[in-house]
């Protein structure tokens, strides 16, 4: 709901601050007073084209700030565009147009684009008038309006469409994979046979490399190990020499204590030498390898690495590659059977979508008849008794089927007997257009819409009972949404919950447009003026009083 509007330096408006409340608000004033300026200003804040001609003469820039109670549907748009908005805070949109033609836009005091203002504005306000090209005039929105009126289960159709789309995608992917595999069958069969023959295992490359390093190291130290063994345990080795020395000392050790000590030391050396001899034998046994095994390991390692390079994978990934290629070949070999299953799934999903869409079409067709009847019931009181309204529910080609079903929906009217039906937007008369939209809005009232609706001179060219009927319908709509109505009709003005007067003033130098709320007495006087013209009579005042009496 629009709660406040602040205008600075727009055409004839120098400074204007307005507050708005719930229900039906009416704006009146003499012809040329500037009612269109007020709507143009609001349109500017809602992202419509900014023209430097809107800037008041002599001012550097024009600005319009509109404040709204923030509806829930706007939050997702704000979040998507990175606009901060605290829960419960109002939504403030502002537009600045410079005299040199530049413009800036803000949402909640954060820089924005005019496009974002337009997107948000469509969620906040519906403006219905002679030049309205959005909202109910756009055929793109008619299907959603009819679905809301029908309380149609579009979600079921959307889910069925998603299932059909997913099944179709799975089939197309399988067909593409099989087509590619068919082209590569010979290579694939060769690759699988080659990998199966090689039979690679995860971790095999590292194990082979480690074993190869060990055997290569053993080869390098073999000569050194033989030399060491010869020095320790050979015929002329140290251990043999020590043992011979010990045998000689055993014969003479009693001749001197030092000889006995020398014998004991040699005995210890023999014992340690024996330990060294044993360890050397253990090392030799452990490092012993078959040269043929080294050759085999090296050949296997080279094969693994060459195969990995060929397939551009790591050696450890060869086993997984073999599994994938084998599975791909199996899918290819069983391709026709698999495709048949996927095709059956697609057919089943398509049939489910068609059934759900057919049910939706029936709902729409039945609702269209009810809507046509409801609108028809509103036309005669609005002096449109010669006009006819119809809702077209037409089939779409299969290429146009969507999550919203298989129907094209459009509202059409015929304004005169015998005249062909045409889209709403093709109506020439602005007054007729506004009344048609009013009739449609009343018929669709339970389905809601934007929180704020503005009707620009909906009563143009009518009076008396028709104007009263318009006022009555506007008042009914205002129980569900905020309505602002620019009117020349006293019957419509009298139904407002709030009344704003738009008037020009001139101090001899500058002409200004101002807007002010009317007190009850001022309101009665304004409605009397609307009834009688320039000279307000007592009879007009009495008639105004009667119009203002509660319905």
Protein backbone atom coordinates (compact mmCIF):
# COMPACT_ATOMS: atom_id res chain seq x y z
CA UNK A 1 0.00 0.00 0.00
CA UNK A 2 1.18 3.51 -0.88
CA UNK A 3 1.56 5.43 2.38
CA UNK A 4 3.35 8.62 1.33
CA UNK A 5 4.39 10.53 -1.77
CA UNK A 6 6.93 13.36 -1.79
CA UNK A 7 7.37 15.46 -4.94
CA UNK A 8 9.94 18.14 -5.55
CA UNK A 9 10.17 20.41 -8.62
CA UNK A 10 8.06 18.38 -11.02
CA UNK A 11 6.49 20.61 -13.72
CA UNK A 12 4.20 22.94 -11.71
CA UNK A 13 4.70 21.20 -8.37
CA UNK A 14 7.34 22.96 -6.30
CA UNK A 15 7.09 20.90 -3.11
CA UNK A 16 4.37 18.48 -2.15
CA UNK A 17 4.13 15.87 0.62
CA UNK A 18 1.08 13.61 0.72
CA UNK A 19 0.01 10.85 3.08
CA UNK A 20 -2.35 8.11 1.98
CA UNK A 21 -4.52 5.70 3.92
CA UNK A 22 -6.48 2.55 3.24
CA UNK A 23 -9.64 2.32 1.20
CA UNK A 24 -10.78 4.60 -1.59
CA UNK A 25 -8.99 7.90 -2.03
CA UNK A 26 -10.33 10.36 -4.62
CA UNK A 27 -8.50 13.21 -6.33
CA UNK A 28 -10.51 15.99 -7.89
CA UNK A 29 -9.89 19.41 -9.37
CA UNK A 30 -10.75 21.57 -12.29
CA UNK A 31 -9.63 20.61 -15.76
CA UNK A 32 -5.99 21.57 -16.23
CA UNK A 33 -5.29 21.74 -12.50
CA UNK A 34 -2.51 19.18 -12.82
CA UNK A 35 -3.98 15.83 -11.93
CA UNK A 36 -1.89 14.17 -14.62
CA UNK A 37 1.26 15.65 -13.07
CA UNK A 38 0.54 13.74 -9.88
CA UNK A 39 0.21 10.43 -11.74
CA UNK A 40 3.25 11.19 -13.89
CA UNK A 41 5.23 11.81 -10.71
CA UNK A 42 4.20 8.48 -9.21
CA UNK A 43 4.95 6.76 -12.51
CA UNK A 44 8.42 8.30 -12.45
CA UNK A 45 9.07 6.81 -9.00
CA UNK A 46 7.89 3.45 -10.31
CA UNK A 47 10.47 3.37 -13.08
CA UNK A 48 8.70 4.92 -16.03
CA UNK A 49 10.70 6.90 -18.54
CA UNK A 50 12.37 9.97 -17.00
CA UNK A 51 12.10 13.07 -19.18
CA UNK A 52 13.93 16.30 -18.47
CA UNK A 53 10.69 18.06 -19.44
CA UNK A 54 9.32 17.00 -16.04
CA UNK A 55 11.82 19.25 -14.24
CA UNK A 56 10.20 22.50 -13.05
CA UNK A 57 11.45 25.55 -14.93
CA UNK A 58 14.49 27.00 -13.19
CA UNK A 59 15.16 23.91 -11.05
CA UNK A 60 18.28 21.78 -11.39
CA UNK A 61 16.44 18.50 -10.88
CA UNK A 62 13.10 16.89 -10.06
CA UNK A 63 12.68 14.15 -7.47
CA UNK A 64 9.86 11.87 -6.40
CA UNK A 65 9.90 9.60 -3.35
CA UNK A 66 7.17 7.01 -2.76
CA UNK A 67 6.83 5.03 0.46
CA UNK A 68 4.97 1.71 0.60
CA UNK A 69 4.06 -0.90 3.15
CA UNK A 70 6.29 -3.68 1.82
CA UNK A 71 4.36 -6.69 0.45
CA UNK A 72 5.91 -10.12 0.91
CA UNK A 73 6.32 -10.69 -2.81
CA UNK A 74 8.84 -7.85 -3.10
CA UNK A 75 11.36 -9.34 -0.67
CA UNK A 76 12.60 -11.97 -3.13
CA UNK A 77 13.20 -9.30 -5.78
CA UNK A 78 15.08 -7.12 -3.30
CA UNK A 79 17.26 -10.01 -2.16
CA UNK A 80 18.01 -11.07 -5.73
CA UNK A 81 19.22 -7.55 -6.51
CA UNK A 82 21.25 -7.13 -3.33
CA UNK A 83 18.95 -4.52 -1.74
CA UNK A 84 18.98 -4.58 2.07
CA UNK A 85 15.56 -4.57 3.71
CA UNK A 86 14.95 -5.16 7.39
CA UNK A 87 11.77 -7.07 8.32
CA UNK A 88 8.86 -4.74 9.00
CA UNK A 89 10.52 -1.69 7.44
CA UNK A 90 8.69 0.21 4.68
CA UNK A 91 9.82 0.15 1.08
CA UNK A 92 11.05 3.51 -0.22
CA UNK A 93 11.59 4.12 -3.93
CA UNK A 94 13.05 7.37 -5.21
CA UNK A 95 13.78 8.78 -8.64
CA UNK A 96 15.75 11.89 -9.56
CA UNK A 97 15.67 13.45 -13.03
CA UNK A 98 18.13 16.23 -13.84
CA UNK A 99 17.39 19.18 -16.08
CA UNK A 100 20.18 18.01 -18.41
CA UNK A 101 18.42 14.67 -18.91
CA UNK A 102 20.33 12.39 -16.54
CA UNK A 103 18.45 10.32 -13.96
CA UNK A 104 19.14 8.22 -10.88
CA UNK A 105 17.07 5.63 -9.04
CA UNK A 106 17.15 4.41 -5.43
CA UNK A 107 15.49 1.62 -3.48
CA UNK A 108 15.67 1.97 0.31
CA UNK A 109 18.29 4.70 -0.26
CA UNK A 110 20.50 2.26 -2.17
CA UNK A 111 21.41 3.01 -5.81
CA UNK A 112 19.30 1.04 -8.24
CA UNK A 113 18.23 0.97 -11.86
CA UNK A 114 15.04 2.20 -13.45
CA UNK A 115 14.46 -1.37 -14.64
CA UNK A 116 14.42 -2.60 -11.03
CA UNK A 117 11.98 0.19 -10.11
CA UNK A 118 9.70 -1.00 -12.91
CA UNK A 119 9.93 -4.60 -11.75
CA UNK A 120 9.11 -3.64 -8.17
CA UNK A 121 6.45 -1.16 -9.32
CA UNK A 122 4.50 -3.87 -11.10
CA UNK A 123 4.22 -5.69 -7.76
CA UNK A 124 3.18 -2.56 -5.89
CA UNK A 125 0.80 -0.59 -8.08
CA UNK A 126 -1.63 -1.12 -10.94
CA UNK A 127 -2.32 2.05 -12.92
CA UNK A 128 -5.36 1.86 -15.16
CA UNK A 129 -5.92 4.70 -17.54
CA UNK A 130 -5.97 5.77 -21.15
CA UNK A 131 -2.31 5.03 -21.74
CA UNK A 132 -1.86 1.99 -19.56
CA UNK A 133 -0.01 -0.76 -21.44
CA UNK A 134 0.66 -3.07 -18.52
CA UNK A 135 -1.27 -5.13 -16.02
CA UNK A 136 -4.59 -6.39 -17.27
CA UNK A 137 -3.97 -5.19 -20.83
CA UNK A 138 -0.99 -7.52 -21.28
CA UNK A 139 -2.12 -10.92 -22.65
CA UNK A 140 0.91 -12.50 -20.97
CA UNK A 141 -0.83 -12.04 -17.60
CA UNK A 142 -4.33 -13.17 -18.59
CA UNK A 143 -3.65 -16.87 -18.08
CA UNK A 144 -2.49 -16.31 -14.50
CA UNK A 145 -5.57 -14.17 -13.79
CA UNK A 146 -7.90 -16.87 -15.12
CA UNK A 147 -6.05 -19.58 -13.16
CA UNK A 148 -6.43 -17.58 -9.96
CA UNK A 149 -10.13 -17.11 -10.70
CA UNK A 150 -10.50 -20.85 -11.39
CA UNK A 151 -8.36 -21.81 -8.37
CA UNK A 152 -6.64 -24.12 -10.84
CA UNK A 153 -4.05 -26.67 -9.76
CA UNK A 154 -1.26 -25.45 -12.03
CA UNK A 155 1.37 -26.97 -9.72
CA UNK A 156 0.27 -30.48 -10.70
CA UNK A 157 0.72 -29.64 -14.38
CA UNK A 158 4.09 -28.04 -13.67
CA UNK A 159 5.29 -31.17 -11.83
CA UNK A 160 4.10 -33.39 -14.69
CA UNK A 161 5.88 -31.16 -17.20
CA UNK A 162 9.10 -31.39 -15.16
CA UNK A 163 8.86 -35.19 -15.07
CA UNK A 164 8.28 -35.30 -18.84
CA UNK A 165 11.18 -32.92 -19.45
CA UNK A 166 13.51 -34.97 -17.22
CA UNK A 167 12.52 -38.23 -18.96
CA UNK A 168 13.09 -36.62 -22.36
CA UNK A 169 16.49 -35.33 -21.28
CA UNK A 170 17.48 -38.80 -20.05
CA UNK A 171 16.44 -40.32 -23.37
CA UNK A 172 18.28 -37.67 -25.39
CA UNK A 173 21.41 -38.14 -23.28
CA UNK A 174 21.28 -41.91 -23.80
CA UNK A 175 20.73 -41.49 -27.53
CA UNK A 176 23.66 -39.09 -27.78
CA UNK A 177 25.88 -41.41 -25.76
CA UNK A 178 24.96 -44.41 -27.87
CA UNK A 179 25.43 -42.45 -31.10
CA UNK A 180 28.89 -41.39 -29.97
CA UNK A 181 29.72 -44.88 -28.76
CA UNK A 182 28.58 -46.40 -32.05
CA UNK A 183 31.05 -44.20 -33.89
CA UNK A 184 33.80 -45.29 -31.48
CA UNK A 185 32.80 -48.93 -31.11
CA UNK A 186 35.93 -50.39 -32.75
CA UNK A 187 38.23 -48.20 -30.69
CA UNK A 188 36.24 -48.92 -27.52
CA UNK A 189 36.39 -52.68 -28.03
CA UNK A 190 40.15 -52.48 -28.64
CA UNK A 191 40.66 -50.27 -25.58
CA UNK A 192 38.65 -52.58 -23.32
CA UNK A 193 40.49 -55.68 -24.61
CA UNK A 194 43.83 -53.94 -24.14
CA UNK A 195 43.01 -52.87 -20.58
CA UNK A 196 41.56 -56.27 -19.71
CA UNK A 197 44.76 -57.93 -20.94
CA UNK A 198 46.86 -55.53 -18.89
CA UNK A 199 44.55 -55.97 -15.86
CA UNK A 200 45.84 -52.95 -13.93
CA UNK A 201 45.19 -52.70 -10.22
CA UNK A 202 44.98 -49.59 -7.99
CA UNK A 203 48.30 -48.99 -6.23
CA UNK A 204 50.17 -51.44 -8.47
CA UNK A 205 52.41 -48.80 -10.04
CA UNK A 206 53.75 -47.57 -6.68
CA UNK A 207 54.31 -51.12 -5.43
CA UNK A 208 56.27 -52.06 -8.55
CA UNK A 209 58.29 -48.87 -8.44
CA UNK A 210 59.23 -49.46 -4.80
CA UNK A 211 60.27 -53.07 -5.42
CA UNK A 212 62.26 -52.00 -8.48
CA UNK A 213 64.08 -49.37 -6.44
CA UNK A 214 65.00 -52.02 -3.84
CA UNK A 215 66.43 -54.45 -6.41
CA UNK A 216 68.33 -51.69 -8.18
CA UNK A 217 69.84 -50.65 -4.83
CA UNK A 218 70.79 -54.25 -4.07
CA UNK A 219 72.66 -54.48 -7.37
CA UNK A 220 74.60 -51.34 -6.56
CA UNK A 221 75.79 -52.59 -3.10
CA UNK A 222 76.37 -56.24 -4.05
CA UNK A 223 80.13 -55.79 -4.80
CA UNK A 224 80.69 -53.80 -1.63
CA UNK A 225 78.90 -56.47 0.38
CA UNK A 226 81.11 -59.21 -1.14
CA UNK A 227 84.23 -57.20 -0.31
CA UNK A 228 83.13 -56.73 3.28
CA UNK A 229 82.29 -60.44 3.62
CA UNK A 230 85.72 -61.35 2.25
CA UNK A 231 87.49 -59.09 4.71
CA UNK A 232 85.55 -60.59 7.62
CA UNK A 233 85.06 -64.26 6.74
CA UNK A 234 87.36 -65.07 3.88
CA UNK A 235 90.37 -67.39 3.96
CA UNK A 236 92.51 -64.43 4.78
CA UNK A 237 89.71 -62.54 6.51
CA UNK A 238 90.01 -60.85 9.84
CA UNK A 239 87.92 -63.43 11.67
CA UNK A 240 90.11 -66.30 10.41
CA UNK A 241 93.25 -64.43 11.43
CA UNK A 242 91.83 -63.75 14.90
CA UNK A 243 90.97 -67.40 15.42
CA UNK A 244 94.48 -68.49 14.42
CA UNK A 245 95.96 -65.91 16.79
CA UNK A 246 93.77 -67.18 19.62
CA UNK A 247 95.01 -70.77 19.11
CA UNK A 248 98.64 -69.64 19.41
CA UNK A 249 97.95 -67.51 22.52
CA UNK A 250 96.20 -70.41 24.23
CA UNK A 251 99.58 -72.23 24.36
CA UNK A 252 101.54 -69.37 25.88
CA UNK A 253 98.93 -67.38 27.87
CA UNK A 254 100.13 -68.84 31.20
CA UNK A 255 103.58 -67.43 30.69
CA UNK A 256 102.51 -63.85 31.36
CA UNK A 257 99.35 -62.13 32.64
CA UNK A 258 99.35 -59.74 29.70
CA UNK A 259 99.18 -62.65 27.30
CA UNK A 260 96.12 -63.95 29.14
CA UNK A 261 94.47 -60.56 28.83
CA UNK A 262 95.34 -60.42 25.14
CA UNK A 263 93.73 -63.83 24.64
CA UNK A 264 90.58 -62.71 26.41
CA UNK A 265 90.37 -59.59 24.18
CA UNK A 266 90.82 -61.68 21.02
CA UNK A 267 88.11 -64.09 22.23
CA UNK A 268 85.74 -61.17 22.59
CA UNK A 269 86.67 -59.91 19.12
CA UNK A 270 86.00 -63.38 17.70
CA UNK A 271 82.58 -63.41 19.30
CA UNK A 272 81.71 -59.93 17.86
CA UNK A 273 83.17 -60.93 14.52
CA UNK A 274 80.90 -63.97 14.50
CA UNK A 275 77.90 -61.69 15.06
CA UNK A 276 79.03 -59.46 12.18
CA UNK A 277 79.48 -62.56 10.03
CA UNK A 278 75.89 -63.65 10.76
CA UNK A 279 74.45 -60.20 9.99
CA UNK A 280 76.35 -60.05 6.72
CA UNK A 281 74.83 -63.42 5.71
CA UNK A 282 71.35 -62.15 6.66
CA UNK A 283 71.82 -58.99 4.60
CA UNK A 284 73.08 -60.96 1.64
CA UNK A 285 70.06 -63.26 1.80
CA UNK A 286 67.64 -60.35 2.06
CA UNK A 287 69.21 -58.42 -0.83
CA UNK A 288 69.45 -61.41 -3.04
CA UNK A 289 67.11 -61.09 -6.10
CA UNK A 290 66.42 -62.73 -9.38
CA UNK A 291 67.56 -60.46 -12.24
CA UNK A 292 64.72 -61.84 -14.30
CA UNK A 293 62.23 -60.55 -11.68
CA UNK A 294 63.73 -57.07 -11.99
CA UNK A 295 63.33 -57.23 -15.75
CA UNK A 296 59.72 -58.39 -15.42
CA UNK A 297 58.88 -55.67 -12.90
CA UNK A 298 60.46 -53.01 -15.06
CA UNK A 299 58.58 -54.23 -18.13
CA UNK A 300 55.27 -54.23 -16.21
CA UNK A 301 55.95 -50.76 -14.83
CA UNK A 302 56.72 -49.39 -18.28
CA UNK A 303 53.54 -50.98 -19.67
CA UNK A 304 51.38 -49.38 -16.96
CA UNK A 305 52.90 -45.95 -17.47
CA UNK A 306 52.67 -46.14 -21.25
CA UNK A 307 49.00 -47.14 -21.03
CA UNK A 308 48.32 -44.28 -18.61
CA UNK A 309 49.93 -41.79 -21.01
CA UNK A 310 47.91 -43.20 -23.87
CA UNK A 311 44.62 -42.64 -22.05
CA UNK A 312 45.78 -39.44 -20.33
CA UNK A 313 45.13 -40.68 -16.83
CA UNK A 314 47.24 -41.59 -13.82
CA UNK A 315 48.38 -45.23 -13.63
CA UNK A 316 46.27 -45.77 -10.51
CA UNK A 317 43.18 -44.66 -12.50
CA UNK A 318 43.57 -47.28 -15.21
CA UNK A 319 41.45 -49.84 -13.36
CA UNK A 320 38.57 -47.37 -12.96
CA UNK A 321 38.93 -46.37 -16.63
CA UNK A 322 38.66 -50.00 -17.62
CA UNK A 323 35.46 -50.33 -15.58
CA UNK A 324 33.95 -47.24 -17.20
CA UNK A 325 34.81 -48.27 -20.73
CA UNK A 326 33.57 -51.79 -20.10
CA UNK A 327 30.27 -50.38 -18.77
CA UNK A 328 30.03 -48.04 -21.76
CA UNK A 329 30.52 -50.96 -24.11
CA UNK A 330 27.91 -52.96 -22.22
CA UNK A 331 25.43 -50.07 -22.50
CA UNK A 332 26.17 -49.88 -26.18
CA UNK A 333 25.66 -53.58 -26.64
CA UNK A 334 22.38 -53.37 -24.72
CA UNK A 335 21.53 -49.98 -26.19
CA UNK A 336 18.34 -50.81 -28.07
CA UNK A 337 16.79 -52.49 -25.06
CA UNK A 338 17.76 -49.56 -22.80
CA UNK A 339 16.44 -46.98 -25.26
CA UNK A 340 13.15 -48.80 -25.45
CA UNK A 341 12.76 -48.48 -21.69
CA UNK A 342 13.59 -44.78 -21.75
CA UNK A 343 11.23 -44.19 -24.66
CA UNK A 344 8.47 -45.91 -22.73
CA UNK A 345 9.22 -43.67 -19.75
CA UNK A 346 8.98 -40.58 -21.97
CA UNK A 347 5.67 -41.74 -23.44
CA UNK A 348 4.29 -42.39 -19.96
CA UNK A 349 5.46 -38.99 -18.66
CA UNK A 350 4.06 -37.20 -21.72
CA UNK A 351 0.72 -38.94 -21.27
CA UNK A 352 0.66 -37.90 -17.60
CA UNK A 353 1.39 -34.30 -18.57
CA UNK A 354 -1.29 -34.32 -21.28
CA UNK A 355 -3.83 -35.71 -18.82
CA UNK A 356 -2.99 -33.08 -16.20
CA UNK A 357 -2.99 -30.32 -18.83
CA UNK A 358 -6.34 -31.51 -20.21
CA UNK A 359 -7.82 -31.34 -16.73
CA UNK A 360 -6.41 -27.82 -16.39
CA UNK A 361 -7.89 -26.85 -19.76
CA UNK A 362 -11.30 -28.03 -18.58
CA UNK A 363 -10.93 -25.97 -15.41
CA UNK A 364 -9.95 -22.94 -17.45
CA UNK A 365 -12.78 -23.40 -19.94
CA UNK A 366 -15.37 -23.68 -17.18
CA UNK A 367 -13.87 -20.73 -15.31
CA UNK A 368 -13.80 -18.67 -18.52
CA UNK A 369 -17.56 -19.09 -18.87
CA UNK A 370 -18.09 -18.01 -15.27
CA UNK A 371 -15.77 -15.05 -15.70
CA UNK A 372 -17.49 -14.00 -18.93
CA UNK A 373 -20.85 -14.11 -17.16
CA UNK A 374 -19.51 -12.16 -14.17
CA UNK A 375 -18.03 -9.45 -16.39
CA UNK A 376 -21.20 -9.30 -18.50
CA UNK A 377 -23.18 -8.65 -15.32
CA UNK A 378 -21.00 -5.61 -14.64
CA UNK A 379 -21.12 -4.06 -18.12
CA UNK A 380 -24.69 -2.75 -18.28
CA UNK A 381 -24.51 -0.70 -15.06
CA UNK A 382 -21.29 0.84 -16.42
CA UNK A 383 -23.03 1.98 -19.63
CA UNK A 384 -21.35 -0.76 -21.62
CA UNK A 385 -24.52 -2.77 -22.24
CA UNK A 386 -23.80 -2.98 -26.01
CA UNK A 387 -20.37 -4.42 -25.37
CA UNK A 388 -19.43 -8.06 -25.06
CA UNK A 389 -16.54 -9.69 -23.25
CA UNK A 390 -15.08 -13.13 -23.77
CA UNK A 391 -12.17 -15.17 -22.51
CA UNK A 392 -10.32 -17.10 -25.18
CA UNK A 393 -8.87 -20.45 -24.12
CA UNK A 394 -7.11 -21.76 -27.22
CA UNK A 395 -4.71 -24.70 -27.69
CA UNK A 396 -1.02 -24.12 -28.21
CA UNK A 397 1.22 -26.08 -30.53
CA UNK A 398 3.25 -28.80 -28.81
CA UNK A 399 6.39 -26.71 -29.14
CA UNK A 400 4.72 -24.06 -26.96
CA UNK A 401 3.57 -26.40 -24.18
CA UNK A 402 4.94 -25.30 -20.83
CA UNK A 403 4.69 -25.90 -17.08
CA UNK A 404 1.57 -23.69 -17.24
CA UNK A 405 -0.20 -26.05 -19.60
CA UNK A 406 -1.22 -26.21 -23.25
CA UNK A 407 -3.48 -23.17 -23.48
CA UNK A 408 -3.28 -19.61 -24.69
CA UNK A 409 -5.55 -17.34 -22.66
CA UNK A 410 -6.55 -13.86 -23.71
CA UNK A 411 -9.34 -11.44 -22.81
CA UNK A 412 -11.19 -9.92 -25.79
CA UNK A 413 -14.03 -7.44 -26.16
CA UNK A 414 -16.43 -6.15 -28.74
CA UNK A 415 -17.67 -2.63 -28.01
CA UNK A 416 -20.55 -2.47 -30.49
CA UNK A 417 -23.14 -4.93 -31.87
CA UNK A 418 -21.73 -6.71 -34.88
CA UNK A 419 -18.20 -5.48 -34.24
CA UNK A 420 -15.52 -8.15 -34.14
CA UNK A 421 -13.85 -9.12 -30.90
CA UNK A 422 -10.40 -7.63 -30.32
CA UNK A 423 -7.81 -7.62 -27.53
CA UNK A 424 -8.44 -5.25 -24.62
CA UNK A 425 -5.50 -3.08 -25.60
CA UNK A 426 -7.07 -2.32 -29.00
CA UNK A 427 -9.96 -0.30 -27.53
CA UNK A 428 -9.77 3.33 -28.68
CA UNK A 429 -11.76 5.02 -25.93
CA UNK A 430 -9.85 5.53 -22.70
CA UNK A 431 -13.05 5.86 -20.69
CA UNK A 432 -14.43 2.59 -22.06
CA UNK A 433 -11.13 0.88 -21.42
CA UNK A 434 -11.08 1.99 -17.80
CA UNK A 435 -14.65 0.81 -17.26
CA UNK A 436 -13.93 -2.55 -18.87
CA UNK A 437 -10.95 -2.97 -16.56
CA UNK A 438 -13.11 -1.98 -13.61
CA UNK A 439 -15.70 -4.60 -14.57
CA UNK A 440 -12.97 -7.20 -14.90
CA UNK A 441 -11.37 -6.18 -11.61
CA UNK A 442 -14.72 -6.49 -9.84
CA UNK A 443 -15.28 -9.94 -11.36
CA UNK A 444 -11.77 -10.99 -10.29
CA UNK A 445 -11.90 -9.21 -6.93
CA UNK A 446 -11.54 -12.36 -4.83
CA UNK A 447 -8.24 -13.15 -6.55
CA UNK A 448 -6.63 -9.91 -5.42
CA UNK A 449 -3.84 -8.08 -7.25
CA UNK A 450 -1.49 -5.24 -6.45
CA UNK A 451 -1.99 -3.65 -3.04
CA UNK A 452 -2.57 -0.26 -4.69
CA UNK A 453 -4.73 0.41 -7.75
CA UNK A 454 -5.04 3.74 -9.51
CA UNK A 455 -7.86 4.59 -11.92
CA UNK A 456 -7.34 7.67 -14.06
CA UNK A 457 -10.64 9.35 -15.10
CA UNK A 458 -12.53 6.09 -15.22
CA UNK A 459 -15.79 8.08 -15.26
CA UNK A 460 -14.95 10.15 -18.34
CA UNK A 461 -18.02 10.81 -20.47
CA UNK A 462 -20.56 9.34 -18.06
CA UNK A 463 -22.72 10.66 -15.28
CA UNK A 464 -25.79 9.97 -13.20
CA UNK A 465 -26.55 6.31 -12.62
CA UNK A 466 -23.45 5.11 -14.47
CA UNK A 467 -21.20 7.29 -12.34
CA UNK A 468 -22.97 5.98 -9.24
CA UNK A 469 -22.41 2.41 -10.43
CA UNK A 470 -18.71 3.16 -10.96
CA UNK A 471 -18.46 4.68 -7.50
CA UNK A 472 -20.19 1.67 -5.96
CA UNK A 473 -17.80 -0.78 -7.65
CA UNK A 474 -14.75 1.23 -6.73
CA UNK A 475 -15.90 1.28 -3.12
CA UNK A 476 -16.34 -2.49 -3.19
CA UNK A 477 -12.85 -2.99 -4.61
CA UNK A 478 -11.44 -0.65 -1.98
CA UNK A 479 -12.43 -3.09 0.76
CA UNK A 480 -9.70 -5.42 -0.56
CA UNK A 481 -7.03 -2.99 -1.77
CA UNK A 482 -6.05 0.65 -1.66
CA UNK A 483 -7.66 2.57 -4.53
CA UNK A 484 -6.74 6.05 -5.76
CA UNK A 485 -9.12 7.52 -8.32
CA UNK A 486 -8.75 10.68 -10.40
CA UNK A 487 -12.33 11.67 -11.09
CA UNK A 488 -14.60 14.39 -12.46
CA UNK A 489 -17.71 12.67 -11.14
CA UNK A 490 -19.34 13.87 -7.90
CA UNK A 491 -20.95 10.43 -7.53
CA UNK A 492 -17.52 8.78 -7.51
CA UNK A 493 -15.93 11.47 -5.35
CA UNK A 494 -18.64 11.06 -2.74
CA UNK A 495 -17.71 7.38 -2.20
CA UNK A 496 -14.14 8.15 -1.19
CA UNK A 497 -12.79 7.53 2.27
CA UNK A 498 -10.37 10.42 1.70
CA UNK A 499 -10.61 13.37 -0.67
CA UNK A 500 -7.65 15.31 -2.11
CA UNK A 501 -8.11 18.52 -4.06
CA UNK A 502 -5.69 19.39 -6.85
CA UNK A 503 -5.59 23.09 -7.70
CA UNK A 504 -3.41 25.66 -9.41
CA UNK A 505 -2.34 28.94 -7.85
CA UNK A 506 -0.57 31.97 -9.30
CA UNK A 507 1.17 34.75 -7.39
CA UNK A 508 1.56 36.85 -10.52
CA UNK A 509 5.01 35.43 -11.25
CA UNK A 510 4.87 31.67 -10.84
CA UNK A 511 2.07 29.15 -11.42
CA UNK A 512 2.07 26.22 -9.00
CA UNK A 513 0.04 23.05 -8.59
CA UNK A 514 -0.85 22.04 -5.07
CA UNK A 515 -2.72 19.18 -3.45
CA UNK A 516 -4.40 19.24 -0.08
CA UNK A 517 -6.78 16.98 1.85
CA UNK A 518 -10.30 18.34 2.32
CA UNK A 519 -12.20 18.61 5.57
CA UNK A 520 -15.81 17.35 5.58
CA UNK A 521 -17.18 20.86 4.92
CA UNK A 522 -14.62 21.50 2.18
CA UNK A 523 -15.40 18.17 0.67
CA UNK A 524 -19.11 18.94 0.51
CA UNK A 525 -18.30 22.27 -1.16
CA UNK A 526 -16.03 20.59 -3.73
CA UNK A 527 -18.66 18.00 -4.63
CA UNK A 528 -21.24 20.81 -4.93
CA UNK A 529 -18.87 22.58 -7.32
CA UNK A 530 -18.55 19.41 -9.35
CA UNK A 531 -22.35 19.24 -9.52
CA UNK A 532 -23.09 22.84 -10.43
CA UNK A 533 -19.97 24.31 -12.01
CA UNK A 534 -18.42 27.69 -11.26
CA UNK A 535 -21.35 28.98 -9.20
CA UNK A 536 -22.15 26.74 -6.25
CA UNK A 537 -25.85 26.80 -5.41
CA UNK A 538 -27.65 25.77 -2.26
CA UNK A 539 -29.37 23.10 -4.29
CA UNK A 540 -25.96 21.73 -5.31
CA UNK A 541 -24.86 21.74 -1.69
CA UNK A 542 -28.00 19.83 -0.69
CA UNK A 543 -27.39 17.32 -3.46
CA UNK A 544 -23.77 16.96 -2.33
CA UNK A 545 -24.98 16.32 1.20
CA UNK A 546 -27.24 13.55 -0.07
CA UNK A 547 -24.41 11.99 -2.05
CA UNK A 548 -22.20 12.00 1.02
CA UNK A 549 -24.71 10.17 3.14
CA UNK A 550 -23.57 6.63 4.02
CA UNK A 551 -24.77 4.09 1.48
